[in-house]
N, C-alpha and C. Protein backbone atom coordinates (compact mmCIF):
# COMPACT_ATOMS: atom_id res chain seq x y z
N MET A 1 0.77 -1.18 -0.11
CA MET A 1 -0.31 0.24 -0.06
C MET A 1 1.06 1.39 -0.09
N ARG A 2 2.19 1.36 0.79
CA ARG A 2 2.84 2.12 0.87
C ARG A 2 3.20 2.87 -0.45
N ASP A 3 3.64 1.44 -1.62
CA ASP A 3 4.13 2.21 -3.00
C ASP A 3 2.82 2.44 -3.79
N PHE A 4 1.86 2.07 -3.34
CA PHE A 4 0.26 3.20 -4.09
C PHE A 4 0.22 4.03 -3.98
N ASP A 5 0.73 4.48 -2.54
CA ASP A 5 0.37 6.29 -1.87
C ASP A 5 1.65 6.80 -2.18
N ARG A 6 2.58 6.30 -3.24
CA ARG A 6 3.78 6.93 -3.68
C ARG A 6 3.71 7.43 -4.97
N LEU A 7 2.34 6.82 -5.63
CA LEU A 7 2.34 7.19 -7.11
C LEU A 7 1.91 8.39 -7.33
N PRO A 8 2.25 8.90 -8.20
CA PRO A 8 1.95 10.47 -8.59
C PRO A 8 -0.08 10.24 -8.65
N PRO A 9 -0.32 11.20 -8.58
CA PRO A 9 -1.71 11.28 -7.89
C PRO A 9 -2.77 10.73 -9.25
N GLU A 10 -2.53 11.32 -10.47
CA GLU A 10 -3.03 10.93 -11.75
C GLU A 10 -3.27 9.69 -11.81
N LEU A 11 -1.55 8.90 -11.34
CA LEU A 11 -1.96 7.37 -11.73
C LEU A 11 -2.44 6.75 -10.80
N ARG A 12 -2.57 7.27 -9.63
CA ARG A 12 -3.53 6.63 -8.26
C ARG A 12 -4.60 6.18 -8.90
N ALA A 13 -5.34 7.71 -9.90
CA ALA A 13 -6.71 7.62 -9.73
C ALA A 13 -6.88 6.51 -10.76
N TRP A 14 -5.83 6.66 -11.82
CA TRP A 14 -6.71 5.76 -12.79
C TRP A 14 -6.49 4.37 -12.33
N MET A 15 -5.79 3.74 -11.67
CA MET A 15 -5.63 2.80 -10.95
C MET A 15 -6.62 2.17 -10.38
N ALA A 16 -7.09 3.33 -9.40
CA ALA A 16 -8.59 3.32 -8.61
C ALA A 16 -10.08 2.73 -9.78
N GLN A 17 -9.37 3.38 -10.97
CA GLN A 17 -11.28 3.05 -11.94
C GLN A 17 -10.65 1.91 -12.36
N ALA A 18 -9.49 1.23 -12.89
CA ALA A 18 -9.00 0.17 -13.60
C ALA A 18 -9.76 -0.60 -13.52
N VAL A 19 -10.63 -1.92 -14.40
CA VAL A 19 -11.15 -2.52 -14.96
C VAL A 19 -10.27 -3.81 -14.31
N LEU A 20 -9.13 -4.21 -14.39
CA LEU A 20 -8.10 -5.02 -13.72
C LEU A 20 -7.33 -4.54 -12.55
N PRO A 21 -6.67 -5.90 -11.99
CA PRO A 21 -6.08 -5.29 -10.78
C PRO A 21 -4.45 -5.13 -11.14
N TRP A 22 -4.17 -4.44 -11.44
CA TRP A 22 -3.08 -3.86 -11.83
C TRP A 22 -1.97 -3.70 -11.08
N SER A 23 -0.92 -4.37 -10.75
CA SER A 23 0.25 -3.98 -9.90
C SER A 23 0.80 -2.68 -9.90
N VAL A 24 1.36 -2.04 -8.68
CA VAL A 24 1.81 -0.99 -9.01
C VAL A 24 3.32 -0.79 -10.19
N THR A 25 3.85 -2.15 -9.94
CA THR A 25 5.32 -2.39 -10.88
C THR A 25 4.45 -2.27 -11.65
N SER A 26 3.73 -2.80 -12.70
CA SER A 26 3.58 -2.98 -13.85
C SER A 26 2.93 -1.18 -14.55
N CYS A 27 2.24 -0.93 -13.22
CA CYS A 27 1.38 0.81 -13.92
C CYS A 27 2.94 1.32 -14.12
N LEU A 28 3.54 1.73 -13.07
CA LEU A 28 4.86 2.63 -12.82
C LEU A 28 5.58 2.30 -14.16
N LYS A 29 5.66 1.28 -14.59
CA LYS A 29 6.68 0.93 -15.83
C LYS A 29 6.14 1.69 -16.78
N ILE A 30 4.91 1.32 -17.32
CA ILE A 30 3.89 2.11 -18.45
C ILE A 30 4.36 3.56 -18.21
N TRP A 31 4.32 4.08 -16.77
CA TRP A 31 4.36 5.61 -16.89
C TRP A 31 5.66 5.82 -17.17
N ARG A 32 6.36 5.60 -16.45
CA ARG A 32 7.83 6.21 -16.41
C ARG A 32 8.28 5.80 -17.88
N ASN A 33 8.21 5.00 -18.60
CA ASN A 33 8.36 4.74 -20.10
C ASN A 33 7.82 5.92 -20.94
N ALA A 34 6.31 6.29 -20.90
CA ALA A 34 5.70 7.46 -21.28
C ALA A 34 6.12 8.72 -21.00
N ARG A 35 6.87 8.76 -20.02
CA ARG A 35 6.91 9.85 -19.18
C ARG A 35 8.55 10.85 -19.60
N ALA A 36 9.42 9.31 -19.69
CA ALA A 36 10.76 9.14 -20.00
C ALA A 36 10.67 9.80 -21.54
N SER A 37 9.81 9.24 -22.18
CA SER A 37 9.72 9.26 -23.76
C SER A 37 9.44 11.06 -24.11
N GLY A 38 9.30 11.93 -23.11
CA GLY A 38 8.48 13.26 -23.00
C GLY A 38 7.07 13.17 -22.85
N GLU A 39 6.73 12.27 -23.16
CA GLU A 39 5.15 12.36 -23.15
C GLU A 39 4.35 13.17 -22.03
N GLY A 40 3.43 13.75 -22.07
CA GLY A 40 2.73 14.17 -21.08
C GLY A 40 1.73 13.39 -19.88
N VAL A 41 1.13 14.01 -19.38
CA VAL A 41 0.44 13.06 -18.46
C VAL A 41 -0.67 12.15 -19.01
N GLU A 42 -1.29 12.97 -19.70
CA GLU A 42 -2.42 12.19 -20.44
C GLU A 42 -2.15 11.01 -21.45
N VAL A 43 -0.76 11.28 -22.25
CA VAL A 43 -0.62 10.58 -22.88
C VAL A 43 -0.34 9.21 -22.73
N ALA A 44 0.60 9.54 -21.03
CA ALA A 44 0.68 7.96 -20.36
C ALA A 44 -0.21 7.50 -19.88
N LEU A 45 -1.45 8.20 -19.42
CA LEU A 45 -2.88 7.33 -19.00
C LEU A 45 -3.52 6.56 -20.26
N GLN A 46 -3.43 7.36 -21.43
CA GLN A 46 -3.84 6.45 -22.24
C GLN A 46 -3.21 5.22 -22.98
N ARG A 47 -1.75 5.31 -22.68
CA ARG A 47 -0.87 4.28 -22.90
C ARG A 47 -1.16 2.72 -22.04
N LEU A 48 -1.97 3.47 -20.34
CA LEU A 48 -2.20 2.59 -19.67
C LEU A 48 -3.39 2.27 -20.15
N THR A 49 -4.40 2.98 -20.37
CA THR A 49 -6.09 2.28 -20.88
C THR A 49 -5.72 1.47 -22.03
N GLN A 50 -4.51 1.74 -22.68
CA GLN A 50 -4.39 1.09 -24.20
C GLN A 50 -3.81 -0.58 -23.63
N ALA A 51 -2.81 -0.39 -23.16
CA ALA A 51 -2.41 -1.93 -22.43
C ALA A 51 -3.64 -2.52 -21.48
N GLU A 52 -4.46 -1.82 -21.02
CA GLU A 52 -5.67 -2.85 -20.14
C GLU A 52 -6.34 -3.32 -21.17
N ALA A 53 -7.10 -2.10 -22.10
CA ALA A 53 -7.55 -2.80 -23.37
C ALA A 53 -7.23 -4.09 -24.25
N GLY A 54 -5.98 -3.37 -24.54
CA GLY A 54 -5.00 -5.61 -24.91
C GLY A 54 -5.30 -6.31 -24.16
N CYS A 55 -5.12 -6.12 -22.92
CA CYS A 55 -4.97 -7.63 -22.13
C CYS A 55 -6.79 -8.05 -21.93
N LEU A 56 -7.72 -6.91 -21.87
CA LEU A 56 -9.10 -7.45 -22.01
C LEU A 56 -9.32 -8.08 -23.29
N ALA A 57 -8.87 -7.82 -24.35
CA ALA A 57 -9.26 -8.39 -25.31
C ALA A 57 -8.86 -9.92 -25.81
N LYS A 58 -7.35 -9.75 -24.78
CA LYS A 58 -7.14 -11.57 -25.36
C LYS A 58 -8.04 -12.50 -23.92
N TRP A 59 -9.14 -11.91 -22.99
CA TRP A 59 -9.59 -12.42 -22.54
C TRP A 59 -11.04 -12.89 -23.29
N GLN A 60 -11.33 -12.27 -24.10
CA GLN A 60 -12.76 -12.17 -24.84
C GLN A 60 -12.33 -13.24 -26.35
């Protein structure tokens, strides 16, 4: 829980509404890659949403 509490607020909010039970490590990896590439918060959140959609598509 401590790791979750240390996340940026936008990422915590995304995780709170996510359909899948994402780990902090997985989300933070996607987040950091996006931000390191110079992408903004919204694009980083879109990457997370796309990753989740990809995972959900595999289950259908």
